Amino acid sequence: RSSGGYPANIVQAAAPLAVPATEMDPATLAEGTRLVQLGAFDTPDEARAEWTRLLNANPDLLMGKALVVQSAASGGRDFFRLRAAGFATEDETRGLCAQLLKRDATCIPVVHR
């Protein structure tokens, strides 16, 4: 017997995409590397979870980009920047951010210092 138009032995996958991400150590990035910043989080795990969410929601934009989680401090508070690497030009970073902003995501072009 079938349900919902599918044979009973076929199950539709409802799980999010399991997309492997390349993570880059920020210490290995050359000064001047073009990145986009996708948020700031209290822990590295929160930043990585947001990367997974964004990548699953926007594979057409983020596939092939590398994840960068960079620790920072400001105003006596430690946090972790979620960034993506894999851009050749400033125009590429600006273009990606323009598309992500249209999809209600946070995105700021930045240069690694």
PDB file of N, CA and C in Angstrom:
ATOM      1  N   ARG A   1       0.842  -1.183   0.000  1.00  0.00           N
ATOM      2  CA  ARG A   1       0.000   0.000   0.000  1.00  0.00           C
ATOM      3  C   ARG A   1       0.882   1.238   0.000  1.00  0.00           C
ATOM      4  N   SER A   2       0.454   2.279  -0.672  1.00  0.00           N
ATOM      5  CA  SER A   2       1.232   3.516  -0.698  1.00  0.00           C
ATOM      6  C   SER A   2       0.507   4.594   0.090  1.00  0.00           C
ATOM      7  N   SER A   3       1.303   5.557   0.559  1.00  0.00           N
ATOM      8  CA  SER A   3       0.705   6.695   1.254  1.00  0.00           C
ATOM      9  C   SER A   3       1.325   7.958   0.689  1.00  0.00           C
ATOM     10  N   GLY A   4       0.521   8.972   0.484  1.00  0.00           N
ATOM     11  CA  GLY A   4       1.011  10.228  -0.036  1.00  0.00           C
ATOM     12  C   GLY A   4       1.566  10.120  -1.443  1.00  0.00           C
ATOM     13  N   GLY A   5       1.145   9.125  -2.192  1.00  0.00           N
ATOM     14  CA  GLY A   5       1.597   8.992  -3.553  1.00  0.00           C
ATOM     15  C   GLY A   5       2.937   8.280  -3.688  1.00  0.00           C
ATOM     16  N   TYR A   6       3.534   7.845  -2.583  1.00  0.00           N
ATOM     17  CA  TYR A   6       4.812   7.146  -2.623  1.00  0.00           C
ATOM     18  C   TYR A   6       4.605   5.692  -2.244  1.00  0.00           C
ATOM     19  N   PRO A   7       5.307   4.772  -2.879  1.00  0.00           N
ATOM     20  CA  PRO A   7       5.233   3.372  -2.444  1.00  0.00           C
ATOM     21  C   PRO A   7       5.631   3.268  -0.968  1.00  0.00           C
ATOM     22  N   ALA A   8       5.077   2.338  -0.287  1.00  0.00           N
ATOM     23  CA  ALA A   8       5.285   2.211   1.162  1.00  0.00           C
ATOM     24  C   ALA A   8       6.749   1.975   1.521  1.00  0.00           C
ATOM     25  N   ASN A   9       7.532   1.415   0.614  1.00  0.00           N
ATOM     26  CA  ASN A   9       8.920   1.114   0.953  1.00  0.00           C
ATOM     27  C   ASN A   9       9.883   2.270   0.664  1.00  0.00           C
ATOM     28  N   ILE A  10       9.388   3.416   0.223  1.00  0.00           N
ATOM     29  CA  ILE A  10      10.240   4.582  -0.030  1.00  0.00           C
ATOM     30  C   ILE A  10       9.982   5.617   1.050  1.00  0.00           C
ATOM     31  N   VAL A  11      11.049   6.032   1.677  1.00  0.00           N
ATOM     32  CA  VAL A  11      10.946   7.027   2.739  1.00  0.00           C
ATOM     33  C   VAL A  11      11.600   8.305   2.251  1.00  0.00           C
ATOM     34  N   GLN A  12      10.902   9.411   2.398  1.00  0.00           N
ATOM     35  CA  GLN A  12      11.487  10.690   2.024  1.00  0.00           C
ATOM     36  C   GLN A  12      12.391  11.178   3.148  1.00  0.00           C
ATOM     37  N   ALA A  13      13.561  11.662   2.799  1.00  0.00           N
ATOM     38  CA  ALA A  13      14.495  12.193   3.801  1.00  0.00           C
ATOM     39  C   ALA A  13      14.050  13.587   4.212  1.00  0.00           C
ATOM     40  N   ALA A  14      13.970  13.809   5.502  1.00  0.00           N
ATOM     41  CA  ALA A  14      13.601  15.119   6.016  1.00  0.00           C
ATOM     42  C   ALA A  14      14.764  15.769   6.753  1.00  0.00           C
ATOM     43  N   ALA A  15      15.869  15.043   6.884  1.00  0.00           N
ATOM     44  CA  ALA A  15      17.026  15.563   7.622  1.00  0.00           C
ATOM     45  C   ALA A  15      17.704  16.663   6.816  1.00  0.00           C
ATOM     46  N   PRO A  16      18.330  17.610   7.503  1.00  0.00           N
ATOM     47  CA  PRO A  16      19.073  18.644   6.776  1.00  0.00           C
ATOM     48  C   PRO A  16      20.267  18.032   6.052  1.00  0.00           C
ATOM     49  N   LEU A  17      20.754  18.748   5.075  1.00  0.00           N
ATOM     50  CA  LEU A  17      21.913  18.275   4.327  1.00  0.00           C
ATOM     51  C   LEU A  17      23.107  18.103   5.257  1.00  0.00           C
ATOM     52  N   ALA A  18      23.842  17.048   5.068  1.00  0.00           N
ATOM     53  CA  ALA A  18      25.077  16.847   5.827  1.00  0.00           C
ATOM     54  C   ALA A  18      26.214  17.284   4.919  1.00  0.00           C
ATOM     55  N   VAL A  19      26.616  18.539   5.044  1.00  0.00           N
ATOM     56  CA  VAL A  19      27.606  19.106   4.142  1.00  0.00           C
ATOM     57  C   VAL A  19      28.932  19.234   4.881  1.00  0.00           C
ATOM     58  N   PRO A  20      29.964  18.538   4.414  1.00  0.00           N
ATOM     59  CA  PRO A  20      31.249  18.683   5.079  1.00  0.00           C
ATOM     60  C   PRO A  20      31.814  20.073   4.800  1.00  0.00           C
ATOM     61  N   ALA A  21      32.397  20.675   5.801  1.00  0.00           N
ATOM     62  CA  ALA A  21      32.981  21.997   5.649  1.00  0.00           C
ATOM     63  C   ALA A  21      34.475  21.912   5.898  1.00  0.00           C
ATOM     64  N   THR A  22      35.217  22.645   5.115  1.00  0.00           N
ATOM     65  CA  THR A  22      36.639  22.785   5.366  1.00  0.00           C
ATOM     66  C   THR A  22      36.784  23.928   6.356  1.00  0.00           C
ATOM     67  N   GLU A  23      37.458  23.674   7.466  1.00  0.00           N
ATOM     68  CA  GLU A  23      37.688  24.738   8.438  1.00  0.00           C
ATOM     69  C   GLU A  23      39.138  25.162   8.355  1.00  0.00           C
ATOM     70  N   MET A  24      39.346  26.458   8.255  1.00  0.00           N
ATOM     71  CA  MET A  24      40.695  27.010   8.188  1.00  0.00           C
ATOM     72  C   MET A  24      41.056  27.656   9.512  1.00  0.00           C
ATOM     73  N   ASP A  25      42.284  27.437   9.951  1.00  0.00           N
ATOM     74  CA  ASP A  25      42.811  28.096  11.138  1.00  0.00           C
ATOM     75  C   ASP A  25      43.118  29.544  10.764  1.00  0.00           C
ATOM     76  N   PRO A  26      42.556  30.526  11.483  1.00  0.00           N
ATOM     77  CA  PRO A  26      42.809  31.924  11.121  1.00  0.00           C
ATOM     78  C   PRO A  26      44.294  32.288  11.153  1.00  0.00           C
ATOM     79  N   ALA A  27      45.086  31.562  11.948  1.00  0.00           N
ATOM     80  CA  ALA A  27      46.524  31.843  12.023  1.00  0.00           C
ATOM     81  C   ALA A  27      47.236  31.510  10.712  1.00  0.00           C
ATOM     82  N   THR A  28      46.610  30.693   9.858  1.00  0.00           N
ATOM     83  CA  THR A  28      47.236  30.313   8.592  1.00  0.00           C
ATOM     84  C   THR A  28      46.855  31.257   7.452  1.00  0.00           C
ATOM     85  N   LEU A  29      45.941  32.184   7.690  1.00  0.00           N
ATOM     86  CA  LEU A  29      45.502  33.103   6.644  1.00  0.00           C
ATOM     87  C   LEU A  29      46.518  34.228   6.464  1.00  0.00           C
ATOM     88  N   ALA A  30      46.826  34.534   5.227  1.00  0.00           N
ATOM     89  CA  ALA A  30      47.737  35.642   4.938  1.00  0.00           C
ATOM     90  C   ALA A  30      47.030  36.965   5.215  1.00  0.00           C
ATOM     91  N   GLU A  31      47.812  37.946   5.679  1.00  0.00           N
ATOM     92  CA  GLU A  31      47.258  39.278   5.862  1.00  0.00           C
ATOM     93  C   GLU A  31      46.729  39.760   4.514  1.00  0.00           C
ATOM     94  N   GLY A  32      45.544  40.352   4.524  1.00  0.00           N
ATOM     95  CA  GLY A  32      44.923  40.828   3.294  1.00  0.00           C
ATOM     96  C   GLY A  32      43.958  39.839   2.663  1.00  0.00           C
ATOM     97  N   THR A  33      43.844  38.617   3.241  1.00  0.00           N
ATOM     98  CA  THR A  33      42.893  37.629   2.723  1.00  0.00           C
ATOM     99  C   THR A  33      41.479  38.183   2.839  1.00  0.00           C
ATOM    100  N   ARG A  34      40.723  38.070   1.767  1.00  0.00           N
ATOM    101  CA  ARG A  34      39.335  38.549   1.752  1.00  0.00           C
ATOM    102  C   ARG A  34      38.423  37.489   2.361  1.00  0.00           C
ATOM    103  N   LEU A  35      37.577  37.933   3.291  1.00  0.00           N
ATOM    104  CA  LEU A  35      36.635  37.073   3.998  1.00  0.00           C
ATOM    105  C   LEU A  35      35.285  37.761   4.053  1.00  0.00           C
ATOM    106  N   VAL A  36      34.263  37.018   4.453  1.00  0.00           N
ATOM    107  CA  VAL A  36      32.997  37.627   4.864  1.00  0.00           C
ATOM    108  C   VAL A  36      32.725  37.193   6.298  1.00  0.00           C
ATOM    109  N   GLN A  37      32.244  38.128   7.080  1.00  0.00           N
ATOM    110  CA  GLN A  37      31.874  37.812   8.463  1.00  0.00           C
ATOM    111  C   GLN A  37      30.379  37.563   8.506  1.00  0.00           C
ATOM    112  N   LEU A  38      30.019  36.415   9.109  1.00  0.00           N
ATOM    113  CA  LEU A  38      28.627  35.967   9.126  1.00  0.00           C
ATOM    114  C   LEU A  38      28.000  36.041  10.512  1.00  0.00           C
ATOM    115  N   GLY A  39      28.742  36.522  11.493  1.00  0.00           N
ATOM    116  CA  GLY A  39      28.201  36.664  12.836  1.00  0.00           C
ATOM    117  C   GLY A  39      29.287  36.574  13.880  1.00  0.00           C
ATOM    118  N   ALA A  40      28.891  36.825  15.119  1.00  0.00           N
ATOM    119  CA  ALA A  40      29.786  36.709  16.270  1.00  0.00           C
ATOM    120  C   ALA A  40      29.028  35.959  17.359  1.00  0.00           C
ATOM    121  N   PHE A  41      29.728  35.023  18.024  1.00  0.00           N
ATOM    122  CA  PHE A  41      29.071  34.100  18.950  1.00  0.00           C
ATOM    123  C   PHE A  41      29.872  33.933  20.225  1.00  0.00           C
ATOM    124  N   ASP A  42      29.213  33.447  21.259  1.00  0.00           N
ATOM    125  CA  ASP A  42      29.848  33.270  22.563  1.00  0.00           C
ATOM    126  C   ASP A  42      30.829  32.104  22.602  1.00  0.00           C
ATOM    127  N   THR A  43      30.594  31.094  21.774  1.00  0.00           N
ATOM    128  CA  THR A  43      31.469  29.914  21.773  1.00  0.00           C
ATOM    129  C   THR A  43      31.798  29.512  20.328  1.00  0.00           C
ATOM    130  N   PRO A  44      32.919  28.811  20.141  1.00  0.00           N
ATOM    131  CA  PRO A  44      33.227  28.311  18.795  1.00  0.00           C
ATOM    132  C   PRO A  44      32.170  27.324  18.298  1.00  0.00           C
ATOM    133  N   ASP A  45      31.604  26.533  19.201  1.00  0.00           N
ATOM    134  CA  ASP A  45      30.571  25.574  18.797  1.00  0.00           C
ATOM    135  C   ASP A  45      29.324  26.275  18.268  1.00  0.00           C
ATOM    136  N   GLU A  46      28.945  27.397  18.880  1.00  0.00           N
ATOM    137  CA  GLU A  46      27.792  28.160  18.380  1.00  0.00           C
ATOM    138  C   GLU A  46      28.085  28.706  16.978  1.00  0.00           C
ATOM    139  N   ALA A  47      29.314  29.176  16.764  1.00  0.00           N
ATOM    140  CA  ALA A  47      29.692  29.686  15.445  1.00  0.00           C
ATOM    141  C   ALA A  47      29.626  28.569  14.403  1.00  0.00           C
ATOM    142  N   ARG A  48      30.147  27.385  14.751  1.00  0.00           N
ATOM    143  CA  ARG A  48      30.116  26.250  13.810  1.00  0.00           C
ATOM    144  C   ARG A  48      28.688  25.793  13.533  1.00  0.00           C
ATOM    145  N   ALA A  49      27.828  25.831  14.533  1.00  0.00           N
ATOM    146  CA  ALA A  49      26.423  25.452  14.333  1.00  0.00           C
ATOM    147  C   ALA A  49      25.737  26.435  13.383  1.00  0.00           C
ATOM    148  N   GLU A  50      26.049  27.718  13.512  1.00  0.00           N
ATOM    149  CA  GLU A  50      25.470  28.715  12.607  1.00  0.00           C
ATOM    150  C   GLU A  50      25.999  28.505  11.192  1.00  0.00           C
ATOM    151  N   TRP A  51      27.269  28.135  11.051  1.00  0.00           N
ATOM    152  CA  TRP A  51      27.811  27.832   9.722  1.00  0.00           C
ATOM    153  C   TRP A  51      27.016  26.707   9.078  1.00  0.00           C
ATOM    154  N   THR A  52      26.774  25.649   9.823  1.00  0.00           N
ATOM    155  CA  THR A  52      26.021  24.506   9.294  1.00  0.00           C
ATOM    156  C   THR A  52      24.625  24.950   8.869  1.00  0.00           C
ATOM    157  N   ARG A  53      23.975  25.763   9.691  1.00  0.00           N
ATOM    158  CA  ARG A  53      22.637  26.263   9.359  1.00  0.00           C
ATOM    159  C   ARG A  53      22.672  27.098   8.082  1.00  0.00           C
ATOM    160  N   LEU A  54      23.620  28.028   8.009  1.00  0.00           N
ATOM    161  CA  LEU A  54      23.718  28.899   6.835  1.00  0.00           C
ATOM    162  C   LEU A  54      24.066  28.110   5.579  1.00  0.00           C
ATOM    163  N   LEU A  55      24.971  27.160   5.695  1.00  0.00           N
ATOM    164  CA  LEU A  55      25.366  26.359   4.541  1.00  0.00           C
ATOM    165  C   LEU A  55      24.200  25.515   4.039  1.00  0.00           C
ATOM    166  N   ASN A  56      23.444  24.936   4.954  1.00  0.00           N
ATOM    167  CA  ASN A  56      22.280  24.139   4.551  1.00  0.00           C
ATOM    168  C   ASN A  56      21.198  25.008   3.925  1.00  0.00           C
ATOM    169  N   ALA A  57      21.066  26.248   4.397  1.00  0.00           N
ATOM    170  CA  ALA A  57      20.049  27.160   3.867  1.00  0.00           C
ATOM    171  C   ALA A  57      20.494  27.825   2.559  1.00  0.00           C
ATOM    172  N   ASN A  58      21.801  27.912   2.340  1.00  0.00           N
ATOM    173  CA  ASN A  58      22.329  28.649   1.188  1.00  0.00           C
ATOM    174  C   ASN A  58      23.466  27.895   0.492  1.00  0.00           C
ATOM    175  N   PRO A  59      23.251  26.628   0.141  1.00  0.00           N
ATOM    176  CA  PRO A  59      24.351  25.871  -0.470  1.00  0.00           C
ATOM    177  C   PRO A  59      24.804  26.488  -1.789  1.00  0.00           C
ATOM    178  N   ASP A  60      23.888  27.134  -2.504  1.00  0.00           N
ATOM    179  CA  ASP A  60      24.250  27.742  -3.783  1.00  0.00           C
ATOM    180  C   ASP A  60      25.239  28.892  -3.608  1.00  0.00           C
ATOM    181  N   LEU A  61      25.270  29.499  -2.423  1.00  0.00           N
ATOM    182  CA  LEU A  61      26.161  30.626  -2.168  1.00  0.00           C
ATOM    183  C   LEU A  61      27.419  30.230  -1.396  1.00  0.00           C
ATOM    184  N   LEU A  62      27.305  29.264  -0.483  1.00  0.00           N
ATOM    185  CA  LEU A  62      28.404  28.970   0.436  1.00  0.00           C
ATOM    186  C   LEU A  62      29.168  27.691   0.140  1.00  0.00           C
ATOM    187  N   MET A  63      28.645  26.842  -0.738  1.00  0.00           N
ATOM    188  CA  MET A  63      29.345  25.613  -1.080  1.00  0.00           C
ATOM    189  C   MET A  63      30.716  25.960  -1.648  1.00  0.00           C
ATOM    190  N   GLY A  64      31.734  25.284  -1.163  1.00  0.00           N
ATOM    191  CA  GLY A  64      33.079  25.533  -1.643  1.00  0.00           C
ATOM    192  C   GLY A  64      33.832  26.592  -0.852  1.00  0.00           C
ATOM    193  N   LYS A  65      33.141  27.281   0.038  1.00  0.00           N
ATOM    194  CA  LYS A  65      33.805  28.263   0.899  1.00  0.00           C
ATOM    195  C   LYS A  65      34.298  27.547   2.151  1.00  0.00           C
ATOM    196  N   ALA A  66      35.332  28.096   2.766  1.00  0.00           N
ATOM    197  CA  ALA A  66      35.895  27.503   3.978  1.00  0.00           C
ATOM    198  C   ALA A  66      35.404  28.270   5.204  1.00  0.00           C
ATOM    199  N   LEU A  67      35.155  27.537   6.249  1.00  0.00           N
ATOM    200  CA  LEU A  67      34.735  28.068   7.547  1.00  0.00           C
ATOM    201  C   LEU A  67      35.967  28.574   8.290  1.00  0.00           C
ATOM    202  N   VAL A  68      35.847  29.759   8.899  1.00  0.00           N
ATOM    203  CA  VAL A  68      36.903  30.316   9.750  1.00  0.00           C
ATOM    204  C   VAL A  68      36.240  30.773  11.045  1.00  0.00           C
ATOM    205  N   VAL A  69      36.694  30.243  12.173  1.00  0.00           N
ATOM    206  CA  VAL A  69      36.208  30.696  13.484  1.00  0.00           C
ATOM    207  C   VAL A  69      37.391  31.378  14.163  1.00  0.00           C
ATOM    208  N   GLN A  70      37.229  32.673  14.402  1.00  0.00           N
ATOM    209  CA  GLN A  70      38.338  33.479  14.911  1.00  0.00           C
ATOM    210  C   GLN A  70      37.967  34.085  16.260  1.00  0.00           C
ATOM    211  N   SER A  71      38.808  33.835  17.269  1.00  0.00           N
ATOM    212  CA  SER A  71      38.547  34.421  18.586  1.00  0.00           C
ATOM    213  C   SER A  71      38.894  35.899  18.555  1.00  0.00           C
ATOM    214  N   ALA A  72      38.153  36.668  19.360  1.00  0.00           N
ATOM    215  CA  ALA A  72      38.360  38.110  19.442  1.00  0.00           C
ATOM    216  C   ALA A  72      37.906  38.577  20.813  1.00  0.00           C
ATOM    217  N   ALA A  73      38.296  39.789  21.147  1.00  0.00           N
ATOM    218  CA  ALA A  73      37.866  40.395  22.410  1.00  0.00           C
ATOM    219  C   ALA A  73      37.552  41.854  22.157  1.00  0.00           C
ATOM    220  N   SER A  74      36.515  42.320  22.820  1.00  0.00           N
ATOM    221  CA  SER A  74      36.135  43.718  22.707  1.00  0.00           C
ATOM    222  C   SER A  74      35.361  44.099  23.958  1.00  0.00           C
ATOM    223  N   GLY A  75      35.689  45.232  24.530  1.00  0.00           N
ATOM    224  CA  GLY A  75      34.989  45.694  25.720  1.00  0.00           C
ATOM    225  C   GLY A  75      35.075  44.718  26.878  1.00  0.00           C
ATOM    226  N   GLY A  76      36.198  44.013  27.000  1.00  0.00           N
ATOM    227  CA  GLY A  76      36.371  43.052  28.083  1.00  0.00           C
ATOM    228  C   GLY A  76      35.625  41.749  27.880  1.00  0.00           C
ATOM    229  N   ARG A  77      35.087  41.530  26.694  1.00  0.00           N
ATOM    230  CA  ARG A  77      34.313  40.323  26.404  1.00  0.00           C
ATOM    231  C   ARG A  77      34.993  39.522  25.307  1.00  0.00           C
ATOM    232  N   ASP A  78      35.108  38.219  25.506  1.00  0.00           N
ATOM    233  CA  ASP A  78      35.640  37.329  24.479  1.00  0.00           C
ATOM    234  C   ASP A  78      34.488  36.790  23.638  1.00  0.00           C
ATOM    235  N   PHE A  79      34.717  36.657  22.337  1.00  0.00           N
ATOM    236  CA  PHE A  79      33.698  36.105  21.445  1.00  0.00           C
ATOM    237  C   PHE A  79      34.398  35.460  20.256  1.00  0.00           C
ATOM    238  N   PHE A  80      33.605  34.863  19.382  1.00  0.00           N
ATOM    239  CA  PHE A  80      34.148  34.131  18.242  1.00  0.00           C
ATOM    240  C   PHE A  80      33.447  34.594  16.972  1.00  0.00           C
ATOM    241  N   ARG A  81      34.256  35.092  16.043  1.00  0.00           N
ATOM    242  CA  ARG A  81      33.728  35.561  14.757  1.00  0.00           C
ATOM    243  C   ARG A  81      33.557  34.365  13.825  1.00  0.00           C
ATOM    244  N   LEU A  82      32.414  34.307  13.175  1.00  0.00           N
ATOM    245  CA  LEU A  82      32.178  33.305  12.137  1.00  0.00           C
ATOM    246  C   LEU A  82      32.445  33.973  10.803  1.00  0.00           C
ATOM    247  N   ARG A  83      33.434  33.432  10.088  1.00  0.00           N
ATOM    248  CA  ARG A  83      33.804  34.010   8.808  1.00  0.00           C
ATOM    249  C   ARG A  83      33.900  32.911   7.758  1.00  0.00           C
ATOM    250  N   ALA A  84      33.830  33.318   6.509  1.00  0.00           N
ATOM    251  CA  ALA A  84      34.014  32.391   5.390  1.00  0.00           C
ATOM    252  C   ALA A  84      35.160  32.897   4.533  1.00  0.00           C
ATOM    253  N   ALA A  85      35.980  31.964   4.044  1.00  0.00           N
ATOM    254  CA  ALA A  85      37.101  32.271   3.168  1.00  0.00           C
ATOM    255  C   ALA A  85      36.875  31.598   1.822  1.00  0.00           C
ATOM    256  N   GLY A  86      37.616  32.078   0.827  1.00  0.00           N
ATOM    257  CA  GLY A  86      37.518  31.469  -0.503  1.00  0.00           C
ATOM    258  C   GLY A  86      37.144  32.482  -1.563  1.00  0.00           C
ATOM    259  N   PHE A  87      37.589  33.716  -1.382  1.00  0.00           N
ATOM    260  CA  PHE A  87      37.246  34.799  -2.296  1.00  0.00           C
ATOM    261  C   PHE A  87      38.518  35.383  -2.905  1.00  0.00           C
ATOM    262  N   ALA A  88      38.473  35.686  -4.195  1.00  0.00           N
ATOM    263  CA  ALA A  88      39.641  36.245  -4.873  1.00  0.00           C
ATOM    264  C   ALA A  88      39.636  37.772  -4.850  1.00  0.00           C
ATOM    265  N   THR A  89      38.447  38.355  -4.831  1.00  0.00           N
ATOM    266  CA  THR A  89      38.363  39.813  -4.956  1.00  0.00           C
ATOM    267  C   THR A  89      37.365  40.402  -3.971  1.00  0.00           C
ATOM    268  N   GLU A  90      37.482  41.706  -3.772  1.00  0.00           N
ATOM    269  CA  GLU A  90      36.513  42.424  -2.948  1.00  0.00           C
ATOM    270  C   GLU A  90      35.117  42.342  -3.570  1.00  0.00           C
ATOM    271  N   ASP A  91      35.043  42.387  -4.898  1.00  0.00           N
ATOM    272  CA  ASP A  91      33.741  42.289  -5.567  1.00  0.00           C
ATOM    273  C   ASP A  91      33.044  40.974  -5.247  1.00  0.00           C
ATOM    274  N   GLU A  92      33.816  39.879  -5.141  1.00  0.00           N
ATOM    275  CA  GLU A  92      33.211  38.589  -4.785  1.00  0.00           C
ATOM    276  C   GLU A  92      32.615  38.632  -3.383  1.00  0.00           C
ATOM    277  N   THR A  93      33.340  39.231  -2.423  1.00  0.00           N
ATOM    278  CA  THR A  93      32.813  39.290  -1.055  1.00  0.00           C
ATOM    279  C   THR A  93      31.573  40.169  -1.004  1.00  0.00           C
ATOM    280  N   ARG A  94      31.625  41.293  -1.686  1.00  0.00           N
ATOM    281  CA  ARG A  94      30.463  42.200  -1.705  1.00  0.00           C
ATOM    282  C   ARG A  94      29.253  41.547  -2.381  1.00  0.00           C
ATOM    283  N   GLY A  95      29.509  40.816  -3.463  1.00  0.00           N
ATOM    284  CA  GLY A  95      28.416  40.141  -4.170  1.00  0.00           C
ATOM    285  C   GLY A  95      27.758  39.071  -3.311  1.00  0.00           C
ATOM    286  N   LEU A  96      28.582  38.277  -2.624  1.00  0.00           N
ATOM    287  CA  LEU A  96      28.019  37.252  -1.746  1.00  0.00           C
ATOM    288  C   LEU A  96      27.199  37.896  -0.642  1.00  0.00           C
ATOM    289  N   CYS A  97      27.747  38.939  -0.024  1.00  0.00           N
ATOM    290  CA  CYS A  97      27.014  39.585   1.065  1.00  0.00           C
ATOM    291  C   CYS A  97      25.703  40.188   0.566  1.00  0.00           C
ATOM    292  N   ALA A  98      25.708  40.777  -0.607  1.00  0.00           N
ATOM    293  CA  ALA A  98      24.465  41.339  -1.155  1.00  0.00           C
ATOM    294  C   ALA A  98      23.403  40.249  -1.289  1.00  0.00           C
ATOM    295  N   GLN A  99      23.812  39.062  -1.767  1.00  0.00           N
ATOM    296  CA  GLN A  99      22.851  37.965  -1.924  1.00  0.00           C
ATOM    297  C   GLN A  99      22.380  37.436  -0.571  1.00  0.00           C
ATOM    298  N   LEU A 100      23.294  37.296   0.399  1.00  0.00           N
ATOM    299  CA  LEU A 100      22.892  36.807   1.720  1.00  0.00           C
ATOM    300  C   LEU A 100      21.996  37.805   2.439  1.00  0.00           C
ATOM    301  N   LEU A 101      22.281  39.093   2.288  1.00  0.00           N
ATOM    302  CA  LEU A 101      21.442  40.109   2.927  1.00  0.00           C
ATOM    303  C   LEU A 101      20.012  40.067   2.386  1.00  0.00           C
ATOM    304  N   LYS A 102      19.863  39.772   1.092  1.00  0.00           N
ATOM    305  CA  LYS A 102      18.523  39.627   0.507  1.00  0.00           C
ATOM    306  C   LYS A 102      17.763  38.461   1.139  1.00  0.00           C
ATOM    307  N   ARG A 103      18.531  37.489   1.686  1.00  0.00           N
ATOM    308  CA  ARG A 103      17.934  36.310   2.323  1.00  0.00           C
ATOM    309  C   ARG A 103      17.893  36.467   3.848  1.00  0.00           C
ATOM    310  N   ASP A 104      18.010  37.697   4.314  1.00  0.00           N
ATOM    311  CA  ASP A 104      17.930  38.018   5.751  1.00  0.00           C
ATOM    312  C   ASP A 104      19.040  37.410   6.588  1.00  0.00           C
ATOM    313  N   ALA A 105      20.208  37.225   5.993  1.00  0.00           N
ATOM    314  CA  ALA A 105      21.377  36.746   6.740  1.00  0.00           C
ATOM    315  C   ALA A 105      22.319  37.928   6.984  1.00  0.00           C
ATOM    316  N   THR A 106      23.098  37.844   8.031  1.00  0.00           N
ATOM    317  CA  THR A 106      24.097  38.859   8.320  1.00  0.00           C
ATOM    318  C   THR A 106      25.346  38.566   7.502  1.00  0.00           C
ATOM    319  N   CYS A 107      25.943  39.597   6.913  1.00  0.00           N
ATOM    320  CA  CYS A 107      27.153  39.396   6.124  1.00  0.00           C
ATOM    321  C   CYS A 107      27.881  40.725   5.964  1.00  0.00           C
ATOM    322  N   ILE A 108      29.178  40.720   6.299  1.00  0.00           N
ATOM    323  CA  ILE A 108      29.992  41.918   6.176  1.00  0.00           C
ATOM    324  C   ILE A 108      31.311  41.519   5.496  1.00  0.00           C
ATOM    325  N   PRO A 109      31.667  42.157   4.374  1.00  0.00           N
ATOM    326  CA  PRO A 109      32.977  41.878   3.770  1.00  0.00           C
ATOM    327  C   PRO A 109      34.078  42.403   4.700  1.00  0.00           C
ATOM    328  N   VAL A 110      35.109  41.613   4.910  1.00  0.00           N
ATOM    329  CA  VAL A 110      36.224  42.004   5.772  1.00  0.00           C
ATOM    330  C   VAL A 110      37.535  41.541   5.139  1.00  0.00           C
ATOM    331  N   VAL A 111      38.626  42.118   5.632  1.00  0.00           N
ATOM    332  CA  VAL A 111      39.964  41.734   5.207  1.00  0.00           C
ATOM    333  C   VAL A 111      40.719  41.250   6.432  1.00  0.00           C
ATOM    334  N   HIS A 112      41.341  40.088   6.324  1.00  0.00           N
ATOM    335  CA  HIS A 112      42.092  39.519   7.458  1.00  0.00           C
ATOM    336  C   HIS A 112      43.306  40.385   7.745  1.00  0.00           C
ATOM    337  N   ARG A 113      43.504  40.725   9.021  1.00  0.00           N
ATOM    338  CA  ARG A 113      44.651  41.552   9.439  1.00  0.00           C
ATOM    339  C   ARG A 113      45.490  40.803  10.431  1.00  0.00           C
TER     340      ARG A 113
END
